[in-house]
């Protein structure tokens, strides 16, 4: 009976880990987008291994979650439920990633100047 119980517990643990891994993958940025950006940034004859693209996917997804988490907390601290672009920029500064603020500000400005269809 002890071996059967240990086997059942092991199966449950494996299923839990598999479910957690699948749930984490649902939050990852699309690998095709990451691969396209990487290939654009590299020399045309550079080959990037699938494992490398997947490692960058995991890293970028985690980084986005950290920044968004910080921005979310900031907006909640200011009694707001919605995250604004300024919250993301604030979060980047708080996390020591202010080097990204200028290009994001430029993109935000261009986006705001673009007429929207309503």
PDB file of N, CA and C in Angstrom:
ATOM      1  N   UNK A   1       0.824  -1.192   0.000  1.00  0.00           N
ATOM      2  CA  UNK A   1       0.000   0.000   0.000  1.00  0.00           C
ATOM      3  C   UNK A   1       0.860   1.244   0.000  1.00  0.00           C
ATOM      4  N   UNK A   2       1.982   1.236   0.700  1.00  0.00           N
ATOM      5  CA  UNK A   2       2.859   2.391   0.770  1.00  0.00           C
ATOM      6  C   UNK A   2       3.437   2.759  -0.589  1.00  0.00           C
ATOM      7  N   UNK A   3       3.810   1.767  -1.412  1.00  0.00           N
ATOM      8  CA  UNK A   3       4.368   2.028  -2.739  1.00  0.00           C
ATOM      9  C   UNK A   3       3.302   2.611  -3.656  1.00  0.00           C
ATOM     10  N   UNK A   4       2.068   2.112  -3.550  1.00  0.00           N
ATOM     11  CA  UNK A   4       0.968   2.634  -4.372  1.00  0.00           C
ATOM     12  C   UNK A   4       0.675   4.088  -4.013  1.00  0.00           C
ATOM     13  N   UNK A   5       0.684   4.383  -2.744  1.00  0.00           N
ATOM     14  CA  UNK A   5       0.411   5.746  -2.291  1.00  0.00           C
ATOM     15  C   UNK A   5       1.531   6.698  -2.750  1.00  0.00           C
ATOM     16  N   UNK A   6       2.778   6.237  -2.661  1.00  0.00           N
ATOM     17  CA  UNK A   6       3.910   7.052  -3.111  1.00  0.00           C
ATOM     18  C   UNK A   6       3.824   7.289  -4.612  1.00  0.00           C
ATOM     19  N   UNK A   7       3.430   6.264  -5.366  1.00  0.00           N
ATOM     20  CA  UNK A   7       3.287   6.383  -6.812  1.00  0.00           C
ATOM     21  C   UNK A   7       2.173   7.376  -7.170  1.00  0.00           C
ATOM     22  N   UNK A   8       1.063   7.327  -6.451  1.00  0.00           N
ATOM     23  CA  UNK A   8      -0.048   8.249  -6.688  1.00  0.00           C
ATOM     24  C   UNK A   8       0.358   9.682  -6.366  1.00  0.00           C
ATOM     25  N   UNK A   9       1.093   9.840  -5.275  1.00  0.00           N
ATOM     26  CA  UNK A   9       1.566  11.175  -4.896  1.00  0.00           C
ATOM     27  C   UNK A   9       2.529  11.715  -5.946  1.00  0.00           C
ATOM     28  N   UNK A  10       3.404  10.854  -6.454  1.00  0.00           N
ATOM     29  CA  UNK A  10       4.362  11.268  -7.486  1.00  0.00           C
ATOM     30  C   UNK A  10       3.632  11.679  -8.768  1.00  0.00           C
ATOM     31  N   UNK A  11       2.602  10.935  -9.144  1.00  0.00           N
ATOM     32  CA  UNK A  11       1.827  11.268 -10.337  1.00  0.00           C
ATOM     33  C   UNK A  11       1.120  12.612 -10.177  1.00  0.00           C
ATOM     34  N   UNK A  12       0.556  12.852  -8.991  1.00  0.00           N
ATOM     35  CA  UNK A  12      -0.106  14.138  -8.734  1.00  0.00           C
ATOM     36  C   UNK A  12       0.885  15.289  -8.821  1.00  0.00           C
ATOM     37  N   UNK A  13       2.083  15.081  -8.270  1.00  0.00           N
ATOM     38  CA  UNK A  13       3.114  16.125  -8.290  1.00  0.00           C
ATOM     39  C   UNK A  13       3.558  16.418  -9.726  1.00  0.00           C
ATOM     40  N   UNK A  14       3.733  15.380 -10.538  1.00  0.00           N
ATOM     41  CA  UNK A  14       4.110  15.578 -11.937  1.00  0.00           C
ATOM     42  C   UNK A  14       3.030  16.340 -12.691  1.00  0.00           C
ATOM     43  N   UNK A  15       1.761  15.998 -12.432  1.00  0.00           N
ATOM     44  CA  UNK A  15       0.652  16.686 -13.087  1.00  0.00           C
ATOM     45  C   UNK A  15       0.610  18.153 -12.662  1.00  0.00           C
ATOM     46  N   UNK A  16       0.829  18.421 -11.376  1.00  0.00           N
ATOM     47  CA  UNK A  16       0.829  19.788 -10.885  1.00  0.00           C
ATOM     48  C   UNK A  16       1.940  20.601 -11.543  1.00  0.00           C
ATOM     49  N   UNK A  17       3.133  20.019 -11.657  1.00  0.00           N
ATOM     50  CA  UNK A  17       4.250  20.719 -12.297  1.00  0.00           C
ATOM     51  C   UNK A  17       3.970  20.970 -13.776  1.00  0.00           C
ATOM     52  N   UNK A  18       3.396  19.999 -14.450  1.00  0.00           N
ATOM     53  CA  UNK A  18       3.056  20.146 -15.871  1.00  0.00           C
ATOM     54  C   UNK A  18       2.009  21.242 -16.056  1.00  0.00           C
ATOM     55  N   UNK A  19       0.992  21.244 -15.186  1.00  0.00           N
ATOM     56  CA  UNK A  19      -0.042  22.280 -15.258  1.00  0.00           C
ATOM     57  C   UNK A  19       0.549  23.668 -15.003  1.00  0.00           C
ATOM     58  N   UNK A  20       1.439  23.775 -14.027  1.00  0.00           N
ATOM     59  CA  UNK A  20       2.088  25.056 -13.734  1.00  0.00           C
ATOM     60  C   UNK A  20       2.944  25.521 -14.910  1.00  0.00           C
ATOM     61  N   UNK A  21       3.652  24.596 -15.552  1.00  0.00           N
ATOM     62  CA  UNK A  21       4.483  24.948 -16.703  1.00  0.00           C
ATOM     63  C   UNK A  21       3.615  25.429 -17.858  1.00  0.00           C
ATOM     64  N   UNK A  22       2.482  24.750 -18.090  1.00  0.00           N
ATOM     65  CA  UNK A  22       1.573  25.171 -19.156  1.00  0.00           C
ATOM     66  C   UNK A  22       0.976  26.540 -18.852  1.00  0.00           C
ATOM     67  N   UNK A  23       0.638  26.782 -17.599  1.00  0.00           N
ATOM     68  CA  UNK A  23       0.085  28.078 -17.194  1.00  0.00           C
ATOM     69  C   UNK A  23       1.118  29.179 -17.397  1.00  0.00           C
ATOM     70  N   UNK A  24       2.369  28.911 -17.054  1.00  0.00           N
ATOM     71  CA  UNK A  24       3.434  29.897 -17.248  1.00  0.00           C
ATOM     72  C   UNK A  24       3.636  30.188 -18.726  1.00  0.00           C
ATOM     73  N   UNK A  25       3.571  29.169 -19.574  1.00  0.00           N
ATOM     74  CA  UNK A  25       3.742  29.364 -21.010  1.00  0.00           C
ATOM     75  C   UNK A  25       2.635  30.230 -21.590  1.00  0.00           C
ATOM     76  N   UNK A  26       1.464  30.213 -20.986  1.00  0.00           N
ATOM     77  CA  UNK A  26       0.362  31.045 -21.465  1.00  0.00           C
ATOM     78  C   UNK A  26       0.665  32.524 -21.300  1.00  0.00           C
ATOM     79  N   UNK A  27       1.574  32.873 -20.401  1.00  0.00           N
ATOM     80  CA  UNK A  27       1.907  34.272 -20.169  1.00  0.00           C
ATOM     81  C   UNK A  27       3.125  34.721 -20.969  1.00  0.00           C
ATOM     82  N   UNK A  28       3.737  33.816 -21.726  1.00  0.00           N
ATOM     83  CA  UNK A  28       4.924  34.163 -22.504  1.00  0.00           C
ATOM     84  C   UNK A  28       4.544  35.002 -23.716  1.00  0.00           C
ATOM     85  N   UNK A  29       5.448  35.884 -24.097  1.00  0.00           N
ATOM     86  CA  UNK A  29       5.288  36.630 -25.335  1.00  0.00           C
ATOM     87  C   UNK A  29       5.395  35.650 -26.503  1.00  0.00           C
ATOM     88  N   UNK A  30       4.763  35.934 -27.630  1.00  0.00           N
ATOM     89  CA  UNK A  30       4.810  35.000 -28.768  1.00  0.00           C
ATOM     90  C   UNK A  30       6.239  34.807 -29.287  1.00  0.00           C
ATOM     91  N   UNK A  31       6.637  33.560 -29.402  1.00  0.00           N
ATOM     92  CA  UNK A  31       7.999  33.239 -29.812  1.00  0.00           C
ATOM     93  C   UNK A  31       8.255  33.716 -31.242  1.00  0.00           C
ATOM     94  N   UNK A  32       7.249  33.713 -32.101  1.00  0.00           N
ATOM     95  CA  UNK A  32       7.453  34.151 -33.486  1.00  0.00           C
ATOM     96  C   UNK A  32       7.812  35.630 -33.542  1.00  0.00           C
ATOM     97  N   UNK A  33       7.188  36.436 -32.704  1.00  0.00           N
ATOM     98  CA  UNK A  33       7.508  37.871 -32.668  1.00  0.00           C
ATOM     99  C   UNK A  33       8.932  38.086 -32.177  1.00  0.00           C
ATOM    100  N   UNK A  34       9.320  37.357 -31.161  1.00  0.00           N
ATOM    101  CA  UNK A  34      10.670  37.493 -30.611  1.00  0.00           C
ATOM    102  C   UNK A  34      11.702  37.070 -31.640  1.00  0.00           C
ATOM    103  N   UNK A  35      11.450  35.957 -32.323  1.00  0.00           N
ATOM    104  CA  UNK A  35      12.379  35.483 -33.347  1.00  0.00           C
ATOM    105  C   UNK A  35      12.518  36.507 -34.469  1.00  0.00           C
ATOM    106  N   UNK A  36      11.411  37.110 -34.881  1.00  0.00           N
ATOM    107  CA  UNK A  36      11.443  38.107 -35.957  1.00  0.00           C
ATOM    108  C   UNK A  36      12.277  39.321 -35.547  1.00  0.00           C
ATOM    109  N   UNK A  37      12.083  39.810 -34.330  1.00  0.00           N
ATOM    110  CA  UNK A  37      12.852  40.967 -33.856  1.00  0.00           C
ATOM    111  C   UNK A  37      14.335  40.612 -33.747  1.00  0.00           C
ATOM    112  N   UNK A  38      14.629  39.437 -33.231  1.00  0.00           N
ATOM    113  CA  UNK A  38      16.024  39.024 -33.100  1.00  0.00           C
ATOM    114  C   UNK A  38      16.688  38.932 -34.472  1.00  0.00           C
ATOM    115  N   UNK A  39      16.007  38.323 -35.434  1.00  0.00           N
ATOM    116  CA  UNK A  39      16.583  38.163 -36.773  1.00  0.00           C
ATOM    117  C   UNK A  39      16.791  39.517 -37.449  1.00  0.00           C
ATOM    118  N   UNK A  40      15.894  40.462 -37.182  1.00  0.00           N
ATOM    119  CA  UNK A  40      16.031  41.810 -37.744  1.00  0.00           C
ATOM    120  C   UNK A  40      17.264  42.516 -37.184  1.00  0.00           C
ATOM    121  N   UNK A  41      17.565  42.268 -35.916  1.00  0.00           N
ATOM    122  CA  UNK A  41      18.672  42.951 -35.248  1.00  0.00           C
ATOM    123  C   UNK A  41      20.030  42.329 -35.558  1.00  0.00           C
ATOM    124  N   UNK A  42      20.028  41.094 -36.037  1.00  0.00           N
ATOM    125  CA  UNK A  42      21.286  40.392 -36.276  1.00  0.00           C
ATOM    126  C   UNK A  42      21.664  40.419 -37.753  1.00  0.00           C
ATOM    127  N   UNK A  43      22.903  40.078 -38.035  1.00  0.00           N
ATOM    128  CA  UNK A  43      23.379  39.983 -39.405  1.00  0.00           C
ATOM    129  C   UNK A  43      22.561  38.925 -40.141  1.00  0.00           C
ATOM    130  N   UNK A  44      22.327  39.125 -41.417  1.00  0.00           N
ATOM    131  CA  UNK A  44      21.412  38.260 -42.181  1.00  0.00           C
ATOM    132  C   UNK A  44      21.843  36.793 -42.231  1.00  0.00           C
ATOM    133  N   UNK A  45      23.136  36.513 -42.129  1.00  0.00           N
ATOM    134  CA  UNK A  45      23.572  35.113 -42.185  1.00  0.00           C
ATOM    135  C   UNK A  45      23.724  34.476 -40.805  1.00  0.00           C
ATOM    136  N   UNK A  46      23.273  35.164 -39.760  1.00  0.00           N
ATOM    137  CA  UNK A  46      23.349  34.629 -38.398  1.00  0.00           C
ATOM    138  C   UNK A  46      22.210  33.647 -38.167  1.00  0.00           C
ATOM    139  N   UNK A  47      22.560  32.512 -37.609  1.00  0.00           N
ATOM    140  CA  UNK A  47      21.563  31.502 -37.268  1.00  0.00           C
ATOM    141  C   UNK A  47      21.372  31.527 -35.751  1.00  0.00           C
ATOM    142  N   UNK A  48      20.120  31.564 -35.328  1.00  0.00           N
ATOM    143  CA  UNK A  48      19.812  31.590 -33.903  1.00  0.00           C
ATOM    144  C   UNK A  48      19.153  30.269 -33.536  1.00  0.00           C
ATOM    145  N   UNK A  49      19.706  29.587 -32.546  1.00  0.00           N
ATOM    146  CA  UNK A  49      19.164  28.305 -32.114  1.00  0.00           C
ATOM    147  C   UNK A  49      17.796  28.494 -31.474  1.00  0.00           C
ATOM    148  N   UNK A  50      16.944  27.522 -31.661  1.00  0.00           N
ATOM    149  CA  UNK A  50      15.592  27.555 -31.094  1.00  0.00           C
ATOM    150  C   UNK A  50      15.657  27.739 -29.570  1.00  0.00           C
ATOM    151  N   UNK A  51      16.598  27.067 -28.917  1.00  0.00           N
ATOM    152  CA  UNK A  51      16.736  27.170 -27.463  1.00  0.00           C
ATOM    153  C   UNK A  51      17.073  28.602 -27.052  1.00  0.00           C
ATOM    154  N   UNK A  52      17.862  29.289 -27.871  1.00  0.00           N
ATOM    155  CA  UNK A  52      18.222  30.674 -27.573  1.00  0.00           C
ATOM    156  C   UNK A  52      17.002  31.567 -27.648  1.00  0.00           C
ATOM    157  N   UNK A  53      16.204  31.385 -28.695  1.00  0.00           N
ATOM    158  CA  UNK A  53      14.985  32.179 -28.850  1.00  0.00           C
ATOM    159  C   UNK A  53      14.042  31.915 -27.683  1.00  0.00           C
ATOM    160  N   UNK A  54      13.922  30.668 -27.277  1.00  0.00           N
ATOM    161  CA  UNK A  54      13.042  30.330 -26.158  1.00  0.00           C
ATOM    162  C   UNK A  54      13.557  30.916 -24.851  1.00  0.00           C
ATOM    163  N   UNK A  55      14.885  30.938 -24.671  1.00  0.00           N
ATOM    164  CA  UNK A  55      15.453  31.540 -23.456  1.00  0.00           C
ATOM    165  C   UNK A  55      15.172  33.043 -23.424  1.00  0.00           C
ATOM    166  N   UNK A  56      15.304  33.703 -24.562  1.00  0.00           N
ATOM    167  CA  UNK A  56      15.006  35.132 -24.643  1.00  0.00           C
ATOM    168  C   UNK A  56      13.507  35.346 -24.400  1.00  0.00           C
ATOM    169  N   UNK A  57      12.680  34.446 -24.917  1.00  0.00           N
ATOM    170  CA  UNK A  57      11.229  34.533 -24.702  1.00  0.00           C
ATOM    171  C   UNK A  57      10.899  34.500 -23.212  1.00  0.00           C
ATOM    172  N   UNK A  58      11.489  33.587 -22.487  1.00  0.00           N
ATOM    173  CA  UNK A  58      11.245  33.473 -21.048  1.00  0.00           C
ATOM    174  C   UNK A  58      11.721  34.740 -20.336  1.00  0.00           C
ATOM    175  N   UNK A  59      12.932  35.199 -20.669  1.00  0.00           N
ATOM    176  CA  UNK A  59      13.483  36.388 -20.029  1.00  0.00           C
ATOM    177  C   UNK A  59      12.607  37.607 -20.280  1.00  0.00           C
ATOM    178  N   UNK A  60      12.255  37.854 -21.544  1.00  0.00           N
ATOM    179  CA  UNK A  60      11.451  39.036 -21.873  1.00  0.00           C
ATOM    180  C   UNK A  60      10.070  38.968 -21.225  1.00  0.00           C
ATOM    181  N   UNK A  61       9.485  37.791 -21.203  1.00  0.00           N
ATOM    182  CA  UNK A  61       8.175  37.641 -20.579  1.00  0.00           C
ATOM    183  C   UNK A  61       8.244  37.961 -19.101  1.00  0.00           C
ATOM    184  N   UNK A  62       9.283  37.467 -18.440  1.00  0.00           N
ATOM    185  CA  UNK A  62       9.468  37.764 -17.020  1.00  0.00           C
ATOM    186  C   UNK A  62       9.701  39.246 -16.801  1.00  0.00           C
ATOM    187  N   UNK A  63      10.512  39.865 -17.665  1.00  0.00           N
ATOM    188  CA  UNK A  63      10.805  41.286 -17.524  1.00  0.00           C
ATOM    189  C   UNK A  63       9.526  42.111 -17.675  1.00  0.00           C
ATOM    190  N   UNK A  64       8.707  41.772 -18.645  1.00  0.00           N
ATOM    191  CA  UNK A  64       7.448  42.494 -18.845  1.00  0.00           C
ATOM    192  C   UNK A  64       6.558  42.340 -17.617  1.00  0.00           C
ATOM    193  N   UNK A  65       6.491  41.127 -17.069  1.00  0.00           N
ATOM    194  CA  UNK A  65       5.654  40.918 -15.887  1.00  0.00           C
ATOM    195  C   UNK A  65       6.155  41.731 -14.691  1.00  0.00           C
ATOM    196  N   UNK A  66       7.464  41.846 -14.527  1.00  0.00           N
ATOM    197  CA  UNK A  66       8.014  42.629 -13.416  1.00  0.00           C
ATOM    198  C   UNK A  66       7.671  44.105 -13.600  1.00  0.00           C
ATOM    199  N   UNK A  67       7.869  44.630 -14.809  1.00  0.00           N
ATOM    200  CA  UNK A  67       7.585  46.043 -15.070  1.00  0.00           C
ATOM    201  C   UNK A  67       6.100  46.332 -14.891  1.00  0.00           C
ATOM    202  N   UNK A  68       5.245  45.477 -15.448  1.00  0.00           N
ATOM    203  CA  UNK A  68       3.805  45.684 -15.327  1.00  0.00           C
ATOM    204  C   UNK A  68       3.368  45.551 -13.871  1.00  0.00           C
ATOM    205  N   UNK A  69       3.959  44.630 -13.140  1.00  0.00           N
ATOM    206  CA  UNK A  69       3.635  44.486 -11.723  1.00  0.00           C
ATOM    207  C   UNK A  69       3.974  45.735 -10.935  1.00  0.00           C
ATOM    208  N   UNK A  70       5.137  46.307 -11.224  1.00  0.00           N
ATOM    209  CA  UNK A  70       5.555  47.544 -10.549  1.00  0.00           C
ATOM    210  C   UNK A  70       4.620  48.698 -10.928  1.00  0.00           C
ATOM    211  N   UNK A  71       4.272  48.787 -12.207  1.00  0.00           N
ATOM    212  CA  UNK A  71       3.364  49.845 -12.676  1.00  0.00           C
ATOM    213  C   UNK A  71       1.974  49.675 -12.070  1.00  0.00           C
ATOM    214  N   UNK A  72       1.529  48.448 -11.955  1.00  0.00           N
ATOM    215  CA  UNK A  72       0.220  48.173 -11.353  1.00  0.00           C
ATOM    216  C   UNK A  72       0.190  48.621  -9.905  1.00  0.00           C
ATOM    217  N   UNK A  73       1.233  48.279  -9.171  1.00  0.00           N
ATOM    218  CA  UNK A  73       1.293  48.681  -7.767  1.00  0.00           C
ATOM    219  C   UNK A  73       1.310  50.201  -7.636  1.00  0.00           C
ATOM    220  N   UNK A  74       2.029  50.861  -8.529  1.00  0.00           N
ATOM    221  CA  UNK A  74       2.086  52.324  -8.513  1.00  0.00           C
ATOM    222  C   UNK A  74       0.705  52.929  -8.754  1.00  0.00           C
ATOM    223  N   UNK A  75      -0.020  52.386  -9.731  1.00  0.00           N
ATOM    224  CA  UNK A  75      -1.352  52.927 -10.016  1.00  0.00           C
ATOM    225  C   UNK A  75      -2.302  52.659  -8.846  1.00  0.00           C
ATOM    226  N   UNK A  76      -2.177  51.509  -8.213  1.00  0.00           N
ATOM    227  CA  UNK A  76      -3.014  51.204  -7.047  1.00  0.00           C
ATOM    228  C   UNK A  76      -2.670  52.118  -5.872  1.00  0.00           C
ATOM    229  N   UNK A  77      -1.385  52.411  -5.706  1.00  0.00           N
ATOM    230  CA  UNK A  77      -0.959  53.329  -4.640  1.00  0.00           C
ATOM    231  C   UNK A  77      -1.550  54.717  -4.838  1.00  0.00           C
ATOM    232  N   UNK A  78      -1.807  55.065  -6.094  1.00  0.00           N
ATOM    233  CA  UNK A  78      -2.413  56.363  -6.409  1.00  0.00           C
ATOM    234  C   UNK A  78      -3.938  56.249  -6.563  1.00  0.00           C
ATOM    235  N   UNK A  79      -4.490  55.165  -6.052  1.00  0.00           N
ATOM    236  CA  UNK A  79      -5.935  54.926  -6.068  1.00  0.00           C
ATOM    237  C   UNK A  79      -6.530  54.927  -7.471  1.00  0.00           C
ATOM    238  N   UNK A  80      -5.785  54.348  -8.408  1.00  0.00           N
ATOM    239  CA  UNK A  80      -6.286  54.202  -9.775  1.00  0.00           C
ATOM    240  C   UNK A  80      -6.315  52.721 -10.121  1.00  0.00           C
ATOM    241  N   UNK A  81      -7.298  52.338 -10.912  1.00  0.00           N
ATOM    242  CA  UNK A  81      -7.398  50.944 -11.340  1.00  0.00           C
ATOM    243  C   UNK A  81      -6.756  50.715 -12.695  1.00  0.00           C
ATOM    244  N   UNK A  82      -6.617  51.771 -13.467  1.00  0.00           N
ATOM    245  CA  UNK A  82      -6.049  51.656 -14.810  1.00  0.00           C
ATOM    246  C   UNK A  82      -4.579  52.048 -14.801  1.00  0.00           C
ATOM    247  N   UNK A  83      -3.796  51.309 -15.562  1.00  0.00           N
ATOM    248  CA  UNK A  83      -2.373  51.617 -15.711  1.00  0.00           C
ATOM    249  C   UNK A  83      -2.227  52.541 -16.912  1.00  0.00           C
ATOM    250  N   UNK A  84      -1.489  53.623 -16.714  1.00  0.00           N
ATOM    251  CA  UNK A  84      -1.217  54.564 -17.800  1.00  0.00           C
ATOM    252  C   UNK A  84       0.206  54.343 -18.306  1.00  0.00           C
ATOM    253  N   UNK A  85       0.474  54.888 -19.472  1.00  0.00           N
ATOM    254  CA  UNK A  85       1.821  54.791 -20.045  1.00  0.00           C
ATOM    255  C   UNK A  85       2.849  55.379 -19.084  1.00  0.00           C
ATOM    256  N   UNK A  86       2.475  56.454 -18.406  1.00  0.00           N
ATOM    257  CA  UNK A  86       3.386  57.084 -17.460  1.00  0.00           C
ATOM    258  C   UNK A  86       3.752  56.142 -16.311  1.00  0.00           C
ATOM    259  N   UNK A  87       2.833  55.235 -15.961  1.00  0.00           N
ATOM    260  CA  UNK A  87       3.122  54.260 -14.905  1.00  0.00           C
ATOM    261  C   UNK A  87       4.207  53.282 -15.352  1.00  0.00           C
ATOM    262  N   UNK A  88       4.168  52.898 -16.611  1.00  0.00           N
ATOM    263  CA  UNK A  88       5.195  51.991 -17.154  1.00  0.00           C
ATOM    264  C   UNK A  88       6.546  52.703 -17.142  1.00  0.00           C
ATOM    265  N   UNK A  89       6.560  53.957 -17.580  1.00  0.00           N
ATOM    266  CA  UNK A  89       7.808  54.725 -17.579  1.00  0.00           C
ATOM    267  C   UNK A  89       8.330  54.908 -16.149  1.00  0.00           C
ATOM    268  N   UNK A  90       7.431  55.157 -15.207  1.00  0.00           N
ATOM    269  CA  UNK A  90       7.814  55.279 -13.802  1.00  0.00           C
ATOM    270  C   UNK A  90       8.422  53.971 -13.306  1.00  0.00           C
ATOM    271  N   UNK A  91       7.781  52.862 -13.651  1.00  0.00           N
ATOM    272  CA  UNK A  91       8.264  51.546 -13.217  1.00  0.00           C
ATOM    273  C   UNK A  91       9.656  51.265 -13.780  1.00  0.00           C
ATOM    274  N   UNK A  92       9.871  51.617 -15.027  1.00  0.00           N
ATOM    275  CA  UNK A  92      11.196  51.411 -15.617  1.00  0.00           C
ATOM    276  C   UNK A  92      12.258  52.199 -14.865  1.00  0.00           C
ATOM    277  N   UNK A  93      11.933  53.437 -14.499  1.00  0.00           N
ATOM    278  CA  UNK A  93      12.885  54.237 -13.710  1.00  0.00           C
ATOM    279  C   UNK A  93      13.146  53.586 -12.354  1.00  0.00           C
ATOM    280  N   UNK A  94      12.096  53.121 -11.695  1.00  0.00           N
ATOM    281  CA  UNK A  94      12.239  52.516 -10.377  1.00  0.00           C
ATOM    282  C   UNK A  94      13.081  51.243 -10.426  1.00  0.00           C
ATOM    283  N   UNK A  95      13.005  50.538 -11.550  1.00  0.00           N
ATOM    284  CA  UNK A  95      13.731  49.274 -11.699  1.00  0.00           C
ATOM    285  C   UNK A  95      15.121  49.457 -12.303  1.00  0.00           C
ATOM    286  N   UNK A  96      15.520  50.717 -12.500  1.00  0.00           N
ATOM    287  CA  UNK A  96      16.848  50.982 -13.047  1.00  0.00           C
ATOM    288  C   UNK A  96      16.949  50.762 -14.543  1.00  0.00           C
ATOM    289  N   UNK A  97      15.826  50.802 -15.231  1.00  0.00           N
ATOM    290  CA  UNK A  97      15.814  50.591 -16.686  1.00  0.00           C
ATOM    291  C   UNK A  97      15.450  51.865 -17.429  1.00  0.00           C
ATOM    292  N   UNK A  98      15.862  53.008 -16.890  1.00  0.00           N
ATOM    293  CA  UNK A  98      15.476  54.280 -17.490  1.00  0.00           C
ATOM    294  C   UNK A  98      16.041  54.474 -18.892  1.00  0.00           C
ATOM    295  N   UNK A  99      17.011  53.661 -19.283  1.00  0.00           N
ATOM    296  CA  UNK A  99      17.565  53.754 -20.631  1.00  0.00           C
ATOM    297  C   UNK A  99      16.465  53.520 -21.691  1.00  0.00           C
ATOM    298  N   UNK A 100      15.416  52.828 -21.322  1.00  0.00           N
ATOM    299  CA  UNK A 100      14.321  52.545 -22.259  1.00  0.00           C
ATOM    300  C   UNK A 100      13.274  53.658 -22.296  1.00  0.00           C
ATOM    301  N   UNK A 101      13.342  54.604 -21.387  1.00  0.00           N
ATOM    302  CA  UNK A 101      12.319  55.651 -21.318  1.00  0.00           C
ATOM    303  C   UNK A 101      12.302  56.538 -22.560  1.00  0.00           C
ATOM    304  N   UNK A 102      13.471  56.947 -23.052  1.00  0.00           N
ATOM    305  CA  UNK A 102      13.490  57.839 -24.211  1.00  0.00           C
ATOM    306  C   UNK A 102      12.862  57.185 -25.446  1.00  0.00           C
ATOM    307  N   UNK A 103      13.263  55.966 -25.849  1.00  0.00           N
ATOM    308  CA  UNK A 103      12.620  55.377 -27.023  1.00  0.00           C
ATOM    309  C   UNK A 103      11.121  55.131 -26.809  1.00  0.00           C
ATOM    310  N   UNK A 104      10.730  54.770 -25.591  1.00  0.00           N
ATOM    311  CA  UNK A 104       9.309  54.567 -25.330  1.00  0.00           C
ATOM    312  C   UNK A 104       8.543  55.886 -25.352  1.00  0.00           C
ATOM    313  N   UNK A 105       9.155  56.951 -24.842  1.00  0.00           N
ATOM    314  CA  UNK A 105       8.534  58.271 -24.914  1.00  0.00           C
ATOM    315  C   UNK A 105       8.353  58.708 -26.363  1.00  0.00           C
ATOM    316  N   UNK A 106       9.360  58.465 -27.191  1.00  0.00           N
ATOM    317  CA  UNK A 106       9.266  58.820 -28.607  1.00  0.00           C
ATOM    318  C   UNK A 106       8.142  58.028 -29.286  1.00  0.00           C
ATOM    319  N   UNK A 107       8.071  56.738 -28.989  1.00  0.00           N
ATOM    320  CA  UNK A 107       7.008  55.917 -29.563  1.00  0.00           C
ATOM    321  C   UNK A 107       5.641  56.398 -29.075  1.00  0.00           C
ATOM    322  N   UNK A 108       5.532  56.679 -27.788  1.00  0.00           N
ATOM    323  CA  UNK A 108       4.273  57.145 -27.212  1.00  0.00           C
ATOM    324  C   UNK A 108       3.829  58.451 -27.863  1.00  0.00           C
ATOM    325  N   UNK A 109       4.766  59.360 -28.063  1.00  0.00           N
ATOM    326  CA  UNK A 109       4.443  60.636 -28.701  1.00  0.00           C
ATOM    327  C   UNK A 109       3.946  60.407 -30.135  1.00  0.00           C
ATOM    328  N   UNK A 110       4.648  59.568 -30.883  1.00  0.00           N
ATOM    329  CA  UNK A 110       4.233  59.277 -32.261  1.00  0.00           C
ATOM    330  C   UNK A 110       2.867  58.604 -32.277  1.00  0.00           C
ATOM    331  N   UNK A 111       2.633  57.717 -31.335  1.00  0.00           N
ATOM    332  CA  UNK A 111       1.347  57.027 -31.243  1.00  0.00           C
ATOM    333  C   UNK A 111       0.218  58.013 -30.941  1.00  0.00           C
ATOM    334  N   UNK A 112       0.471  58.937 -30.033  1.00  0.00           N
ATOM    335  CA  UNK A 112      -0.553  59.922 -29.660  1.00  0.00           C
ATOM    336  C   UNK A 112      -0.837  60.900 -30.789  1.00  0.00           C
ATOM    337  N   UNK A 113       0.150  61.154 -31.634  1.00  0.00           N
ATOM    338  CA  UNK A 113      -0.039  62.078 -32.751  1.00  0.00           C
ATOM    339  C   UNK A 113      -0.768  61.422 -33.926  1.00  0.00           C
ATOM    340  N   UNK A 114      -0.788  60.108 -33.974  1.00  0.00           N
ATOM    341  CA  UNK A 114      -1.419  59.385 -35.083  1.00  0.00           C
ATOM    342  C   UNK A 114      -2.945  59.470 -34.928  1.00  0.00           C
ATOM    343  N   UNK A 115      -3.626  59.878 -35.995  1.00  0.00           N
ATOM    344  CA  UNK A 115      -5.097  59.957 -35.900  1.00  0.00           C
ATOM    345  C   UNK A 115      -5.698  58.556 -35.761  1.00  0.00           C
ATOM    346  N   UNK A 116      -6.671  58.451 -34.900  1.00  0.00           N
ATOM    347  CA  UNK A 116      -7.326  57.156 -34.701  1.00  0.00           C
ATOM    348  C   UNK A 116      -8.646  57.126 -35.430  1.00  0.00           C
ATOM    349  N   UNK A 117      -9.021  55.925 -35.836  1.00  0.00           N
ATOM    350  CA  UNK A 117     -10.310  55.747 -36.504  1.00  0.00           C
ATOM    351  C   UNK A 117     -11.349  55.435 -35.452  1.00  0.00           C
ATOM    352  N   UNK A 118     -12.447  56.152 -35.486  1.00  0.00           N
ATOM    353  CA  UNK A 118     -13.521  55.900 -34.521  1.00  0.00           C
ATOM    354  C   UNK A 118     -14.804  55.649 -35.223  1.00  0.00           C
TER     355      UNK A 118
END
